[in-house]
Structures are given as structure tokens and as C-alpha cells.
Amino acid sequence: MLFFSFSSRADEKERQPFKIAYAESWAPISVDSANTVTGILPELMDIVIDKTMGIPVKHQGFPWARAQEAVRSGEVDAFITTPTPERLKFTRASKNVVFTLNFQPIVRINSDEEHLLKSEKDIYTILKSKKYCDVLGNGWAENFYKAKNLKYLVVPTLDICLKHLAQGQIDIIIHAAPVSLSFIQKLGMGKQLTVLPIVISSSPAFPLLVSNESSFGQDFLNEFDHTVSNMKQRGMWDELLNLSSFITN
């Protein structure tokens, strides 16, 4: 009976899910709340952790500030985001980058900006006087525009920026490409706006950040890194990111 008790506890620990927190309104990166989260990151983690490593995964969506607090407290095991010094105080980061969020310029089709904007350097040289726009609370934008000494309009949501752009009230948006494409398609602006194939060099790279309070410790992170490295070496990682299910519909 004692042996059976120990075995049951071991089996229960093996079945314990790895809980990941996501932003609940960040289509197509992560969407929805509670336990019904979908999107690029949940799909990727299902393949890596669940299907490849054999550890069940539980995805949970929150408002972003709440997601960070859930990781800090150990309510969930991890999230996938920029490893800022503050976040690294309560997490450990994977060595491998899980996802690079490409920030790219969005302009009006057939505009002067579309013809002139050929490289990142053009943004803060020949196009420095153009009107830019981004979303309140976007720390990446704050740092980017400050570093380039550019002024930009700040609005509550990305759809407002896109509508201003379509109407000619601003000239350029520089934002996360998957998110921008999702909004453009939902707003029916595909014939008015285009995302240029210029990836900003400071685009953020996201590792997996595991809470210091999580029962999944360094051994889990080592196995995760080994798994991801192996997938990248075999060319599987790029294939995953190019799957049709990851492309904005």
C-alpha cells in the first residue's frame, strides 16, 4: 500500500500540467481568456512541450499586467515575452528564443512612403519629418521613437492608428507585423494599407520565462532548450513558424 501511495504521487506529478500565461487580446499571437487561449504562441508550445517533451500544457489568458503577476506569484509556471531586468528578478529564461516579434512599417499603398521607405535608416533620415502613430503603453515604441528622436501620435488602440493612416492623417505606423496584419484584415483595409518587408533591427526576441516559484525548475528549462535546439538544427522550427495555421487569416 505504501509503494502504491508513492507511485500514485509520482504519476500525479508526471501528469501535472505546465501552465503558461498569455495576453488575452493580442491576436494572432494569443487570443481569449481563461483556458481557451489560441494563437501562434499556444500552438507552438503545444508542439514543443506537449507533443515533443510529453508534458501536458495548460494555456491561460489574462490582461497583460495580471499575466505578469500570475508568473511572479507562481500561480502559473511561465510566460513568453521580453526578458527585461525586472522580469528576470522573478523568472529564469530559456537560452533559446521562442519567437521573434517582427516590427515592420505599415504605409498606404502607392503612397510616397511606400516608394521611399527601402530600409530602416530611411525612417530616421529622409522620412524623419513624417507623421507616426502607435499605441499607448507600447514600451517598444516608446524606446524606439526616443532613440531615433522621432515624434509620434499616441492613441488607445491600433485600429485608431490604422484608420488615421488610411485617411491620410498620419503617414507611417511601425508595429508588430502579425498583429498589424490581423487588424488590417478585420478592418477590411487590405486594399488601402500594406506591411513593408523591412524588419526593424530592435524587434523583440522572446524566450520562455519560467517563474522562480514554479515546480518546473532548471531541469525542465534544460530539456526545453535541448528540444528547441534540436528542432532548429533539423529545420523543424522554421517549418513550424511557416505553417498555414500560424498565418493570419
C-alpha atoms as a PDB file:
ATOM      1  CA  MET A   1       0.000   0.000   0.000  1.00  0.00           C
ATOM      2  CA  LEU A   2       2.879   2.347   0.846  1.00  0.00           C
ATOM      3  CA  PHE A   3       4.530   1.610  -2.513  1.00  0.00           C
ATOM      4  CA  PHE A   4       1.210   2.199  -4.298  1.00  0.00           C
ATOM      5  CA  SER A   5       0.845   5.543  -2.497  1.00  0.00           C
ATOM      6  CA  PHE A   6       4.307   6.678  -3.604  1.00  0.00           C
ATOM      7  CA  SER A   7       3.659   5.508  -7.184  1.00  0.00           C
ATOM      8  CA  SER A   8       0.367   7.380  -7.316  1.00  0.00           C
ATOM      9  CA  ARG A   9       2.039  10.587  -6.170  1.00  0.00           C
ATOM     10  CA  ALA A  10       4.785  10.151  -8.769  1.00  0.00           C
ATOM     11  CA  ASP A  11       2.235   9.564 -11.533  1.00  0.00           C
ATOM     12  CA  GLU A  12       0.269  12.595 -10.373  1.00  0.00           C
ATOM     13  CA  LYS A  13       3.415  14.747 -10.552  1.00  0.00           C
ATOM     14  CA  GLU A  14       4.179  13.455 -14.048  1.00  0.00           C
ATOM     15  CA  ARG A  15       0.698  14.474 -15.192  1.00  0.00           C
ATOM     16  CA  GLN A  16       0.941  17.949 -13.648  1.00  0.00           C
ATOM     17  CA  PRO A  17       0.419  20.452 -16.482  1.00  0.00           C
ATOM     18  CA  PHE A  18       2.857  23.206 -17.311  1.00  0.00           C
ATOM     19  CA  LYS A  19       0.814  26.403 -17.018  1.00  0.00           C
ATOM     20  CA  ILE A  20       1.584  29.310 -19.367  1.00  0.00           C
ATOM     21  CA  ALA A  21       0.110  32.812 -19.135  1.00  0.00           C
ATOM     22  CA  TYR A  22      -0.678  34.872 -22.239  1.00  0.00           C
ATOM     23  CA  ALA A  23      -2.110  38.268 -23.127  1.00  0.00           C
ATOM     24  CA  GLU A  24      -5.797  37.621 -23.754  1.00  0.00           C
ATOM     25  CA  SER A  25      -6.299  40.181 -26.554  1.00  0.00           C
ATOM     26  CA  TRP A  26      -3.230  40.003 -28.786  1.00  0.00           C
ATOM     27  CA  ALA A  27      -4.412  38.362 -31.999  1.00  0.00           C
ATOM     28  CA  PRO A  28      -2.956  36.393 -33.666  1.00  0.00           C
ATOM     29  CA  ILE A  29      -0.168  35.920 -31.063  1.00  0.00           C
ATOM     30  CA  SER A  30      -2.581  34.897 -28.290  1.00  0.00           C
ATOM     31  CA  VAL A  31      -6.327  35.311 -28.001  1.00  0.00           C
ATOM     32  CA  ASP A  32      -9.034  34.645 -25.390  1.00  0.00           C
ATOM     33  CA  SER A  33      -9.130  34.264 -21.638  1.00  0.00           C
ATOM     34  CA  ALA A  34      -9.379  31.512 -19.027  1.00  0.00           C
ATOM     35  CA  ASN A  35      -8.498  28.105 -20.509  1.00  0.00           C
ATOM     36  CA  THR A  36      -9.486  28.647 -24.143  1.00  0.00           C
ATOM     37  CA  VAL A  37      -6.422  30.517 -25.402  1.00  0.00           C
ATOM     38  CA  THR A  38      -5.484  30.110 -29.077  1.00  0.00           C
ATOM     39  CA  GLY A  39      -2.877  31.729 -31.320  1.00  0.00           C
ATOM     40  CA  ILE A  40       0.689  31.405 -32.546  1.00  0.00           C
ATOM     41  CA  LEU A  41       2.361  31.020 -29.139  1.00  0.00           C
ATOM     42  CA  PRO A  42      -0.089  28.466 -27.651  1.00  0.00           C
ATOM     43  CA  GLU A  43       0.122  26.346 -30.822  1.00  0.00           C
ATOM     44  CA  LEU A  44       3.914  26.469 -30.741  1.00  0.00           C
ATOM     45  CA  MET A  45       4.096  25.491 -27.074  1.00  0.00           C
ATOM     46  CA  ASP A  46       1.663  22.615 -27.612  1.00  0.00           C
ATOM     47  CA  ILE A  47       4.012  21.181 -30.232  1.00  0.00           C
ATOM     48  CA  VAL A  48       7.215  21.696 -28.226  1.00  0.00           C
ATOM     49  CA  ILE A  49       6.195  20.944 -24.647  1.00  0.00           C
ATOM     50  CA  ASP A  50       3.165  18.678 -25.023  1.00  0.00           C
ATOM     51  CA  LYS A  51       3.764  16.682 -28.209  1.00  0.00           C
ATOM     52  CA  THR A  52       7.591  16.636 -28.178  1.00  0.00           C
ATOM     53  CA  MET A  53       8.521  16.747 -24.480  1.00  0.00           C
ATOM     54  CA  GLY A  54       5.435  14.806 -23.344  1.00  0.00           C
ATOM     55  CA  ILE A  55       4.399  17.319 -20.672  1.00  0.00           C
ATOM     56  CA  PRO A  56       0.754  18.476 -20.766  1.00  0.00           C
ATOM     57  CA  VAL A  57       0.317  22.230 -21.183  1.00  0.00           C
ATOM     58  CA  LYS A  58      -2.419  24.469 -19.793  1.00  0.00           C
ATOM     59  CA  HIS A  59      -2.837  27.829 -21.540  1.00  0.00           C
ATOM     60  CA  GLN A  60      -4.370  30.708 -19.589  1.00  0.00           C
ATOM     61  CA  GLY A  61      -5.228  34.177 -20.908  1.00  0.00           C
ATOM     62  CA  PHE A  62      -5.160  37.316 -18.749  1.00  0.00           C
ATOM     63  CA  PRO A  63      -4.948  41.078 -19.103  1.00  0.00           C
ATOM     64  CA  TRP A  64      -1.203  41.556 -19.542  1.00  0.00           C
ATOM     65  CA  ALA A  65      -0.457  43.085 -16.110  1.00  0.00           C
ATOM     66  CA  ARG A  66      -2.381  40.224 -14.497  1.00  0.00           C
ATOM     67  CA  ALA A  67      -0.421  37.662 -16.555  1.00  0.00           C
ATOM     68  CA  GLN A  68       2.865  39.035 -15.280  1.00  0.00           C
ATOM     69  CA  GLU A  69       1.640  38.943 -11.687  1.00  0.00           C
ATOM     70  CA  ALA A  70       0.474  35.333 -12.125  1.00  0.00           C
ATOM     71  CA  VAL A  71       4.017  34.363 -13.143  1.00  0.00           C
ATOM     72  CA  ARG A  72       5.587  36.378 -10.335  1.00  0.00           C
ATOM     73  CA  SER A  73       3.432  34.639  -7.705  1.00  0.00           C
ATOM     74  CA  GLY A  74       3.793  31.164  -9.190  1.00  0.00           C
ATOM     75  CA  GLU A  75       0.091  30.878  -9.975  1.00  0.00           C
ATOM     76  CA  VAL A  76       1.258  29.891 -13.446  1.00  0.00           C
ATOM     77  CA  ASP A  77       4.636  28.492 -14.426  1.00  0.00           C
ATOM     78  CA  ALA A  78       5.744  30.746 -17.262  1.00  0.00           C
ATOM     79  CA  PHE A  79       5.092  33.335 -19.930  1.00  0.00           C
ATOM     80  CA  ILE A  80       6.760  34.215 -23.241  1.00  0.00           C
ATOM     81  CA  THR A  81       7.929  37.803 -23.503  1.00  0.00           C
ATOM     82  CA  THR A  82      10.871  40.198 -23.439  1.00  0.00           C
ATOM     83  CA  PRO A  83      13.347  39.289 -20.648  1.00  0.00           C
ATOM     84  CA  THR A  84      13.573  42.706 -19.018  1.00  0.00           C
ATOM     85  CA  PRO A  85      15.787  43.127 -15.911  1.00  0.00           C
ATOM     86  CA  GLU A  86      12.631  43.430 -13.784  1.00  0.00           C
ATOM     87  CA  ARG A  87      11.157  40.161 -15.121  1.00  0.00           C
ATOM     88  CA  LEU A  88      14.444  38.319 -14.653  1.00  0.00           C
ATOM     89  CA  LYS A  89      14.210  39.066 -10.925  1.00  0.00           C
ATOM     90  CA  PHE A  90      11.374  36.527 -10.622  1.00  0.00           C
ATOM     91  CA  THR A  91      11.983  34.208 -13.600  1.00  0.00           C
ATOM     92  CA  ARG A  92      14.629  32.160 -15.368  1.00  0.00           C
ATOM     93  CA  ALA A  93      14.894  32.500 -19.149  1.00  0.00           C
ATOM     94  CA  SER A  94      15.389  29.783 -21.726  1.00  0.00           C
ATOM     95  CA  LYS A  95      18.606  30.114 -23.734  1.00  0.00           C
ATOM     96  CA  ASN A  96      16.653  29.663 -26.945  1.00  0.00           C
ATOM     97  CA  VAL A  97      14.449  32.363 -28.421  1.00  0.00           C
ATOM     98  CA  VAL A  98      10.907  31.049 -28.790  1.00  0.00           C
ATOM     99  CA  PHE A  99       9.537  33.774 -31.023  1.00  0.00           C
ATOM    100  CA  THR A 100      10.835  36.955 -32.619  1.00  0.00           C
ATOM    101  CA  LEU A 101       8.097  39.535 -32.977  1.00  0.00           C
ATOM    102  CA  ASN A 102       8.947  41.398 -36.170  1.00  0.00           C
ATOM    103  CA  PHE A 103       8.140  45.104 -36.054  1.00  0.00           C
ATOM    104  CA  GLN A 104       7.635  46.415 -39.590  1.00  0.00           C
ATOM    105  CA  PRO A 105       6.404  49.650 -41.208  1.00  0.00           C
ATOM    106  CA  ILE A 106       2.795  49.967 -42.394  1.00  0.00           C
ATOM    107  CA  VAL A 107       2.008  52.551 -45.084  1.00  0.00           C
ATOM    108  CA  ARG A 108      -0.711  53.451 -47.583  1.00  0.00           C
ATOM    109  CA  ILE A 109      -0.496  51.552 -50.864  1.00  0.00           C
ATOM    110  CA  ASN A 110       1.005  53.667 -53.670  1.00  0.00           C
ATOM    111  CA  SER A 111       1.959  56.435 -51.234  1.00  0.00           C
ATOM    112  CA  ASP A 112       5.233  58.364 -51.288  1.00  0.00           C
ATOM    113  CA  GLU A 113       6.206  56.483 -48.130  1.00  0.00           C
ATOM    114  CA  GLU A 114       5.811  53.106 -49.840  1.00  0.00           C
ATOM    115  CA  HIS A 115       8.167  54.189 -52.633  1.00  0.00           C
ATOM    116  CA  LEU A 116      10.701  55.973 -50.418  1.00  0.00           C
ATOM    117  CA  LEU A 117      10.923  53.546 -47.496  1.00  0.00           C
ATOM    118  CA  LYS A 118      13.518  50.968 -48.532  1.00  0.00           C
ATOM    119  CA  SER A 119      15.472  50.438 -45.287  1.00  0.00           C
ATOM    120  CA  GLU A 120      15.235  51.108 -41.561  1.00  0.00           C
ATOM    121  CA  LYS A 121      17.664  54.005 -41.919  1.00  0.00           C
ATOM    122  CA  ASP A 122      15.176  55.832 -44.165  1.00  0.00           C
ATOM    123  CA  ILE A 123      12.767  56.125 -41.213  1.00  0.00           C
ATOM    124  CA  TYR A 124      15.011  58.444 -39.220  1.00  0.00           C
ATOM    125  CA  THR A 125      16.676  60.199 -42.170  1.00  0.00           C
ATOM    126  CA  ILE A 126      14.647  61.054 -45.270  1.00  0.00           C
ATOM    127  CA  LEU A 127      11.308  60.230 -43.572  1.00  0.00           C
ATOM    128  CA  LYS A 128      12.068  61.795 -40.197  1.00  0.00           C
ATOM    129  CA  SER A 129       9.507  64.583 -40.663  1.00  0.00           C
ATOM    130  CA  LYS A 130       6.647  62.188 -41.455  1.00  0.00           C
ATOM    131  CA  LYS A 131       3.780  61.625 -39.035  1.00  0.00           C
ATOM    132  CA  TYR A 132       3.970  58.396 -36.990  1.00  0.00           C
ATOM    133  CA  CYS A 133       1.485  56.697 -34.664  1.00  0.00           C
ATOM    134  CA  ASP A 134       1.480  53.963 -32.037  1.00  0.00           C
ATOM    135  CA  VAL A 135      -0.460  52.596 -29.109  1.00  0.00           C
ATOM    136  CA  LEU A 136      -0.498  53.778 -25.510  1.00  0.00           C
ATOM    137  CA  GLY A 137       1.588  51.506 -23.297  1.00  0.00           C
ATOM    138  CA  ASN A 138       3.737  50.052 -26.089  1.00  0.00           C
ATOM    139  CA  GLY A 139       7.118  50.126 -24.386  1.00  0.00           C
ATOM    140  CA  TRP A 140       8.911  49.056 -27.558  1.00  0.00           C
ATOM    141  CA  ALA A 141       7.534  52.102 -29.423  1.00  0.00           C
ATOM    142  CA  GLU A 142       8.482  54.455 -26.591  1.00  0.00           C
ATOM    143  CA  ASN A 143      12.079  53.232 -26.679  1.00  0.00           C
ATOM    144  CA  PHE A 144      12.294  53.168 -30.478  1.00  0.00           C
ATOM    145  CA  TYR A 145      10.989  56.691 -31.096  1.00  0.00           C
ATOM    146  CA  LYS A 146      13.022  58.119 -28.228  1.00  0.00           C
ATOM    147  CA  ALA A 147      16.217  56.511 -29.545  1.00  0.00           C
ATOM    148  CA  LYS A 148      15.567  57.835 -33.056  1.00  0.00           C
ATOM    149  CA  ASN A 149      14.479  61.274 -31.802  1.00  0.00           C
ATOM    150  CA  LEU A 150      11.137  60.995 -33.608  1.00  0.00           C
ATOM    151  CA  LYS A 151       7.761  62.355 -32.557  1.00  0.00           C
ATOM    152  CA  TYR A 152       4.665  60.162 -32.793  1.00  0.00           C
ATOM    153  CA  LEU A 153       0.961  60.288 -32.074  1.00  0.00           C
ATOM    154  CA  VAL A 154      -0.153  58.103 -29.154  1.00  0.00           C
ATOM    155  CA  VAL A 155      -3.659  56.577 -29.302  1.00  0.00           C
ATOM    156  CA  PRO A 156      -5.507  53.971 -27.179  1.00  0.00           C
ATOM    157  CA  THR A 157      -5.706  51.138 -29.763  1.00  0.00           C
ATOM    158  CA  LEU A 158      -4.053  50.088 -33.020  1.00  0.00           C
ATOM    159  CA  ASP A 159      -7.250  50.292 -35.056  1.00  0.00           C
ATOM    160  CA  ILE A 160      -7.286  54.069 -34.457  1.00  0.00           C
ATOM    161  CA  CYS A 161      -3.746  54.360 -35.866  1.00  0.00           C
ATOM    162  CA  LEU A 162      -4.738  52.309 -38.907  1.00  0.00           C
ATOM    163  CA  LYS A 163      -7.835  54.417 -39.580  1.00  0.00           C
ATOM    164  CA  HIS A 164      -5.755  57.608 -39.289  1.00  0.00           C
ATOM    165  CA  LEU A 165      -3.256  56.109 -41.731  1.00  0.00           C
ATOM    166  CA  ALA A 166      -5.931  55.118 -44.248  1.00  0.00           C
ATOM    167  CA  GLN A 167      -7.408  58.631 -44.056  1.00  0.00           C
ATOM    168  CA  GLY A 168      -4.026  60.311 -44.576  1.00  0.00           C
ATOM    169  CA  GLN A 169      -3.874  61.868 -41.100  1.00  0.00           C
ATOM    170  CA  ILE A 170      -0.605  60.055 -40.403  1.00  0.00           C
ATOM    171  CA  ASP A 171       1.999  58.589 -42.765  1.00  0.00           C
ATOM    172  CA  ILE A 172       3.661  55.551 -41.162  1.00  0.00           C
ATOM    173  CA  ILE A 173       2.988  53.027 -38.394  1.00  0.00           C
ATOM    174  CA  ILE A 174       5.741  50.759 -37.104  1.00  0.00           C
ATOM    175  CA  HIS A 175       4.174  47.880 -35.233  1.00  0.00           C
ATOM    176  CA  ALA A 176       4.221  44.110 -34.725  1.00  0.00           C
ATOM    177  CA  ALA A 177       3.580  42.685 -38.196  1.00  0.00           C
ATOM    178  CA  PRO A 178       1.300  39.727 -37.253  1.00  0.00           C
ATOM    179  CA  VAL A 179      -0.867  41.982 -35.083  1.00  0.00           C
ATOM    180  CA  SER A 180      -0.996  44.703 -37.737  1.00  0.00           C
ATOM    181  CA  LEU A 181      -1.997  42.240 -40.457  1.00  0.00           C
ATOM    182  CA  SER A 182      -4.740  40.835 -38.261  1.00  0.00           C
ATOM    183  CA  PHE A 183      -6.197  44.308 -37.661  1.00  0.00           C
ATOM    184  CA  ILE A 184      -5.892  45.323 -41.323  1.00  0.00           C
ATOM    185  CA  GLN A 185      -7.826  42.263 -42.418  1.00  0.00           C
ATOM    186  CA  LYS A 186     -10.521  42.670 -39.750  1.00  0.00           C
ATOM    187  CA  LEU A 187     -10.985  46.321 -40.733  1.00  0.00           C
ATOM    188  CA  GLY A 188     -11.149  45.461 -44.445  1.00  0.00           C
ATOM    189  CA  MET A 189      -8.202  47.729 -45.258  1.00  0.00           C
ATOM    190  CA  GLY A 190      -6.182  45.240 -47.300  1.00  0.00           C
ATOM    191  CA  LYS A 191      -6.527  47.333 -50.465  1.00  0.00           C
ATOM    192  CA  GLN A 192      -5.527  50.540 -48.702  1.00  0.00           C
ATOM    193  CA  LEU A 193      -2.651  49.576 -46.406  1.00  0.00           C
ATOM    194  CA  THR A 194       0.390  47.328 -46.715  1.00  0.00           C
ATOM    195  CA  VAL A 195       3.047  45.993 -44.331  1.00  0.00           C
ATOM    196  CA  LEU A 196       6.500  46.572 -45.829  1.00  0.00           C
ATOM    197  CA  PRO A 197       9.113  43.757 -45.791  1.00  0.00           C
ATOM    198  CA  ILE A 198      11.505  45.760 -43.602  1.00  0.00           C
ATOM    199  CA  VAL A 199      12.146  44.200 -40.193  1.00  0.00           C
ATOM    200  CA  ILE A 200      13.309  46.707 -37.580  1.00  0.00           C
ATOM    201  CA  SER A 201      16.617  45.587 -36.076  1.00  0.00           C
ATOM    202  CA  SER A 202      15.412  46.093 -32.491  1.00  0.00           C
ATOM    203  CA  SER A 203      12.409  43.776 -32.942  1.00  0.00           C
ATOM    204  CA  PRO A 204      11.984  41.928 -29.623  1.00  0.00           C
ATOM    205  CA  ALA A 205      13.023  38.297 -29.232  1.00  0.00           C
ATOM    206  CA  PHE A 206      11.001  36.286 -26.708  1.00  0.00           C
ATOM    207  CA  PRO A 207      12.420  33.373 -24.666  1.00  0.00           C
ATOM    208  CA  LEU A 208      10.329  31.246 -22.313  1.00  0.00           C
ATOM    209  CA  LEU A 209      10.436  32.824 -18.845  1.00  0.00           C
ATOM    210  CA  VAL A 210       9.810  30.301 -16.049  1.00  0.00           C
ATOM    211  CA  SER A 211       8.734  31.550 -12.634  1.00  0.00           C
ATOM    212  CA  ASN A 212      11.153  31.076  -9.752  1.00  0.00           C
ATOM    213  CA  GLU A 213       8.118  29.841  -7.802  1.00  0.00           C
ATOM    214  CA  SER A 214       7.364  27.076 -10.335  1.00  0.00           C
ATOM    215  CA  SER A 215       7.911  23.410  -9.513  1.00  0.00           C
ATOM    216  CA  PHE A 216       9.301  23.067 -13.045  1.00  0.00           C
ATOM    217  CA  GLY A 217      12.882  24.024 -12.366  1.00  0.00           C
ATOM    218  CA  GLN A 218      16.193  24.144 -14.192  1.00  0.00           C
ATOM    219  CA  ASP A 219      15.938  20.541 -15.360  1.00  0.00           C
ATOM    220  CA  PHE A 220      12.770  21.459 -17.252  1.00  0.00           C
ATOM    221  CA  LEU A 221      14.456  24.509 -18.822  1.00  0.00           C
ATOM    222  CA  ASN A 222      17.455  22.413 -19.853  1.00  0.00           C
ATOM    223  CA  GLU A 223      15.191  19.873 -21.523  1.00  0.00           C
ATOM    224  CA  PHE A 224      13.185  22.644 -23.178  1.00  0.00           C
ATOM    225  CA  ASP A 225      16.342  24.253 -24.583  1.00  0.00           C
ATOM    226  CA  HIS A 226      17.654  20.891 -25.788  1.00  0.00           C
ATOM    227  CA  THR A 227      14.334  20.191 -27.522  1.00  0.00           C
ATOM    228  CA  VAL A 228      14.149  23.590 -29.218  1.00  0.00           C
ATOM    229  CA  SER A 229      17.823  23.466 -30.278  1.00  0.00           C
ATOM    230  CA  ASN A 230      17.283  20.039 -31.792  1.00  0.00           C
ATOM    231  CA  MET A 231      14.198  21.228 -33.684  1.00  0.00           C
ATOM    232  CA  LYS A 232      16.062  24.268 -35.014  1.00  0.00           C
ATOM    233  CA  GLN A 233      19.062  22.200 -36.136  1.00  0.00           C
ATOM    234  CA  ARG A 234      16.767  19.860 -38.041  1.00  0.00           C
ATOM    235  CA  GLY A 235      14.959  22.746 -39.730  1.00  0.00           C
ATOM    236  CA  MET A 236      11.690  21.931 -37.972  1.00  0.00           C
ATOM    237  CA  TRP A 237      11.432  25.288 -36.229  1.00  0.00           C
ATOM    238  CA  ASP A 238      11.186  27.343 -39.405  1.00  0.00           C
ATOM    239  CA  GLU A 239       8.676  24.845 -40.758  1.00  0.00           C
ATOM    240  CA  LEU A 240       6.513  25.297 -37.659  1.00  0.00           C
ATOM    241  CA  LEU A 241       6.537  29.072 -37.941  1.00  0.00           C
ATOM    242  CA  ASN A 242       5.563  28.834 -41.599  1.00  0.00           C
ATOM    243  CA  LEU A 243       2.618  26.504 -41.018  1.00  0.00           C
ATOM    244  CA  SER A 244      -0.591  27.781 -42.555  1.00  0.00           C
ATOM    245  CA  SER A 245      -2.272  27.659 -39.132  1.00  0.00           C
ATOM    246  CA  PHE A 246       0.216  30.298 -37.925  1.00  0.00           C
ATOM    247  CA  ILE A 247      -0.536  32.697 -40.772  1.00  0.00           C
ATOM    248  CA  THR A 248      -3.071  35.422 -40.103  1.00  0.00           C
ATOM    249  CA  ASN A 249      -6.381  34.599 -41.726  1.00  0.00           C
END
